[in-house]
Amino acid sequence: MSDYVKLIDSQGREFSTDSGASFYLGDDVIDFFSTLNPGVTKKGKIVFDVQKTMTLVNVKVSSSMITNSFYTVSMWT
């Protein structure tokens, strides 16, 4: 899961998910391996290990599990 979503801070650093901490979420964690069809929504949580004072700038989300391309979502603070 850590390769599919990344956080980018104000210094340009990329943060990967913390799969070890995700274990403690149980069923609340996002299942990246299930199919999501148009019009269907799913909820879940992704855990990141970051500093409390981090300024989030962007979130990078993989466009698919097959390619290495990402969509970047800008965050306003």
N, C-alpha and C. Protein backbone atom coordinates (compact mmCIF):
# COMPACT_ATOMS: atom_id res chain seq x y z
N MET A 1 0.81 -1.18 0.00
CA MET A 1 0.00 0.00 0.00
C MET A 1 0.86 1.26 0.00
N SER A 2 2.05 1.22 0.54
CA SER A 2 2.87 2.42 0.69
C SER A 2 3.28 3.04 -0.64
N ASP A 3 3.22 2.30 -1.72
CA ASP A 3 3.61 2.84 -3.01
C ASP A 3 2.47 3.56 -3.72
N TYR A 4 1.26 3.53 -3.22
CA TYR A 4 0.11 4.07 -3.93
C TYR A 4 -0.35 5.44 -3.46
N VAL A 5 -0.01 5.84 -2.24
CA VAL A 5 -0.38 7.15 -1.72
C VAL A 5 0.82 7.72 -0.98
N LYS A 6 1.16 8.98 -1.28
CA LYS A 6 2.29 9.66 -0.63
C LYS A 6 1.84 11.05 -0.20
N LEU A 7 2.36 11.52 0.92
CA LEU A 7 2.15 12.89 1.36
C LEU A 7 3.38 13.70 1.02
N ILE A 8 3.19 14.94 0.57
CA ILE A 8 4.30 15.83 0.26
C ILE A 8 4.21 17.03 1.20
N ASP A 9 5.30 17.34 1.90
CA ASP A 9 5.27 18.47 2.82
C ASP A 9 5.81 19.73 2.15
N SER A 10 5.85 20.84 2.90
CA SER A 10 6.27 22.13 2.36
C SER A 10 7.74 22.16 1.97
N GLN A 11 8.52 21.18 2.41
CA GLN A 11 9.94 21.09 2.04
C GLN A 11 10.16 20.14 0.87
N GLY A 12 9.08 19.61 0.30
CA GLY A 12 9.18 18.71 -0.84
C GLY A 12 9.47 17.27 -0.47
N ARG A 13 9.44 16.94 0.80
CA ARG A 13 9.71 15.57 1.24
C ARG A 13 8.47 14.70 1.04
N GLU A 14 8.69 13.45 0.64
CA GLU A 14 7.60 12.49 0.44
C GLU A 14 7.52 11.54 1.63
N PHE A 15 6.31 11.33 2.11
CA PHE A 15 6.07 10.42 3.23
C PHE A 15 5.21 9.26 2.75
N SER A 16 5.65 8.05 3.05
CA SER A 16 4.91 6.84 2.70
C SER A 16 4.02 6.43 3.87
N THR A 17 3.07 5.56 3.58
CA THR A 17 2.18 5.08 4.62
C THR A 17 2.94 4.22 5.62
N ASP A 18 2.39 4.10 6.80
CA ASP A 18 2.95 3.26 7.85
C ASP A 18 2.11 1.99 7.94
N SER A 19 2.50 0.98 7.18
CA SER A 19 1.71 -0.25 7.12
C SER A 19 1.68 -0.98 8.46
N GLY A 20 2.71 -0.82 9.27
CA GLY A 20 2.73 -1.44 10.59
C GLY A 20 1.64 -0.87 11.48
N ALA A 21 1.47 0.45 11.46
CA ALA A 21 0.43 1.09 12.26
C ALA A 21 -0.95 0.80 11.69
N SER A 22 -1.04 0.63 10.38
CA SER A 22 -2.33 0.32 9.74
C SER A 22 -2.91 -0.99 10.25
N PHE A 23 -2.06 -1.89 10.68
CA PHE A 23 -2.48 -3.18 11.21
C PHE A 23 -3.47 -3.00 12.37
N TYR A 24 -3.26 -1.96 13.18
CA TYR A 24 -4.09 -1.74 14.36
C TYR A 24 -5.45 -1.14 14.03
N LEU A 25 -5.67 -0.72 12.79
CA LEU A 25 -6.97 -0.16 12.40
C LEU A 25 -8.00 -1.25 12.11
N GLY A 26 -7.54 -2.45 11.88
CA GLY A 26 -8.46 -3.55 11.58
C GLY A 26 -9.20 -3.32 10.28
N ASP A 27 -10.53 -3.33 10.33
CA ASP A 27 -11.36 -3.19 9.13
C ASP A 27 -11.45 -1.76 8.62
N ASP A 28 -10.94 -0.77 9.35
CA ASP A 28 -11.02 0.62 8.92
C ASP A 28 -9.99 0.99 7.85
N VAL A 29 -9.02 0.13 7.61
CA VAL A 29 -7.97 0.43 6.65
C VAL A 29 -8.50 0.31 5.22
N ILE A 30 -7.98 1.11 4.30
CA ILE A 30 -8.39 1.06 2.89
C ILE A 30 -7.85 -0.21 2.25
N ASP A 31 -8.69 -0.90 1.53
CA ASP A 31 -8.29 -2.10 0.81
C ASP A 31 -7.97 -1.73 -0.64
N PHE A 32 -6.68 -1.58 -0.94
CA PHE A 32 -6.26 -1.16 -2.28
C PHE A 32 -6.40 -2.27 -3.31
N PHE A 33 -6.66 -3.48 -2.89
CA PHE A 33 -6.70 -4.60 -3.83
C PHE A 33 -8.11 -4.97 -4.27
N SER A 34 -9.11 -4.30 -3.74
CA SER A 34 -10.47 -4.59 -4.16
C SER A 34 -10.84 -3.69 -5.34
N THR A 35 -11.79 -4.13 -6.15
CA THR A 35 -12.24 -3.38 -7.31
C THR A 35 -13.19 -2.28 -6.89
N LEU A 36 -13.00 -1.11 -7.46
CA LEU A 36 -13.88 0.02 -7.20
C LEU A 36 -14.45 0.48 -8.54
N ASN A 37 -15.73 0.28 -8.73
CA ASN A 37 -16.40 0.62 -9.98
C ASN A 37 -16.95 2.04 -9.94
N PRO A 38 -17.20 2.63 -11.13
CA PRO A 38 -17.76 3.99 -11.18
C PRO A 38 -19.06 4.09 -10.38
N GLY A 39 -19.20 5.17 -9.63
CA GLY A 39 -20.40 5.40 -8.84
C GLY A 39 -20.39 4.72 -7.49
N VAL A 40 -19.37 3.93 -7.21
CA VAL A 40 -19.26 3.22 -5.93
C VAL A 40 -18.21 3.92 -5.09
N THR A 41 -18.53 4.19 -3.85
CA THR A 41 -17.57 4.81 -2.95
C THR A 41 -17.22 3.86 -1.81
N LYS A 42 -16.03 4.03 -1.30
CA LYS A 42 -15.58 3.27 -0.15
C LYS A 42 -14.87 4.21 0.79
N LYS A 43 -14.93 3.93 2.07
CA LYS A 43 -14.24 4.73 3.08
C LYS A 43 -13.19 3.86 3.76
N GLY A 44 -12.15 4.51 4.19
CA GLY A 44 -11.11 3.81 4.92
C GLY A 44 -10.07 4.80 5.39
N LYS A 45 -9.14 4.33 6.15
CA LYS A 45 -8.09 5.19 6.69
C LYS A 45 -6.73 4.72 6.20
N ILE A 46 -5.84 5.68 6.05
CA ILE A 46 -4.45 5.42 5.71
C ILE A 46 -3.61 6.07 6.80
N VAL A 47 -2.64 5.36 7.34
CA VAL A 47 -1.82 5.87 8.43
C VAL A 47 -0.46 6.33 7.89
N PHE A 48 -0.06 7.54 8.29
CA PHE A 48 1.25 8.08 7.97
C PHE A 48 1.95 8.43 9.27
N ASP A 49 3.24 8.22 9.33
CA ASP A 49 4.04 8.58 10.49
C ASP A 49 4.77 9.88 10.14
N VAL A 50 4.23 11.01 10.59
CA VAL A 50 4.79 12.33 10.27
C VAL A 50 4.92 13.16 11.54
N GLN A 51 5.67 14.25 11.43
CA GLN A 51 5.80 15.18 12.55
C GLN A 51 4.50 15.93 12.75
N LYS A 52 4.18 16.24 13.97
CA LYS A 52 2.95 16.96 14.29
C LYS A 52 2.91 18.34 13.63
N THR A 53 4.07 18.93 13.43
CA THR A 53 4.15 20.28 12.86
C THR A 53 4.29 20.29 11.34
N MET A 54 4.18 19.15 10.70
CA MET A 54 4.34 19.07 9.24
C MET A 54 3.27 19.90 8.54
N THR A 55 3.67 20.61 7.48
CA THR A 55 2.72 21.35 6.66
C THR A 55 2.47 20.55 5.39
N LEU A 56 1.27 20.00 5.27
CA LEU A 56 0.89 19.19 4.11
C LEU A 56 0.64 20.10 2.91
N VAL A 57 1.28 19.80 1.78
CA VAL A 57 1.12 20.59 0.57
C VAL A 57 0.39 19.81 -0.51
N ASN A 58 0.81 18.56 -0.75
CA ASN A 58 0.22 17.73 -1.80
C ASN A 58 0.04 16.30 -1.33
N VAL A 59 -0.89 15.63 -1.99
CA VAL A 59 -1.06 14.19 -1.82
C VAL A 59 -0.90 13.59 -3.21
N LYS A 60 -0.02 12.61 -3.34
CA LYS A 60 0.17 11.91 -4.61
C LYS A 60 -0.54 10.56 -4.53
N VAL A 61 -1.38 10.29 -5.52
CA VAL A 61 -2.14 9.04 -5.56
C VAL A 61 -1.83 8.34 -6.87
N SER A 62 -1.49 7.07 -6.81
CA SER A 62 -1.18 6.30 -8.00
C SER A 62 -2.40 6.17 -8.90
N SER A 63 -2.17 6.29 -10.20
CA SER A 63 -3.28 6.18 -11.15
C SER A 63 -3.71 4.74 -11.35
N SER A 64 -2.82 3.79 -11.11
CA SER A 64 -3.16 2.37 -11.19
C SER A 64 -2.06 1.54 -10.56
N MET A 65 -2.35 0.29 -10.33
CA MET A 65 -1.37 -0.60 -9.73
C MET A 65 -0.36 -1.08 -10.76
N ILE A 66 -0.63 -0.84 -12.04
CA ILE A 66 0.22 -1.35 -13.10
C ILE A 66 1.28 -0.34 -13.52
N THR A 67 0.96 0.96 -13.48
CA THR A 67 1.88 1.98 -13.94
C THR A 67 2.52 2.71 -12.77
N ASN A 68 3.52 3.52 -13.06
CA ASN A 68 4.18 4.33 -12.05
C ASN A 68 3.74 5.78 -12.10
N SER A 69 2.62 6.07 -12.73
CA SER A 69 2.16 7.45 -12.83
C SER A 69 1.26 7.80 -11.64
N PHE A 70 1.32 9.07 -11.24
CA PHE A 70 0.59 9.55 -10.07
C PHE A 70 -0.25 10.77 -10.43
N TYR A 71 -1.35 10.94 -9.72
CA TYR A 71 -2.11 12.18 -9.73
C TYR A 71 -1.68 12.95 -8.49
N THR A 72 -1.48 14.25 -8.63
CA THR A 72 -1.12 15.07 -7.48
C THR A 72 -2.31 15.94 -7.12
N VAL A 73 -2.71 15.89 -5.86
CA VAL A 73 -3.82 16.68 -5.35
C VAL A 73 -3.23 17.75 -4.44
N SER A 74 -3.44 19.00 -4.78
CA SER A 74 -2.92 20.11 -3.96
C SER A 74 -3.82 20.31 -2.75
N MET A 75 -3.19 20.57 -1.62
CA MET A 75 -3.92 20.81 -0.38
C MET A 75 -3.77 22.27 0.00
N TRP A 76 -4.85 22.91 0.42
CA TRP A 76 -4.78 24.29 0.87
C TRP A 76 -4.74 24.28 2.38
N THR A 77 -3.86 25.10 2.92
CA THR A 77 -3.76 25.19 4.38
C THR A 77 -4.14 26.56 4.85
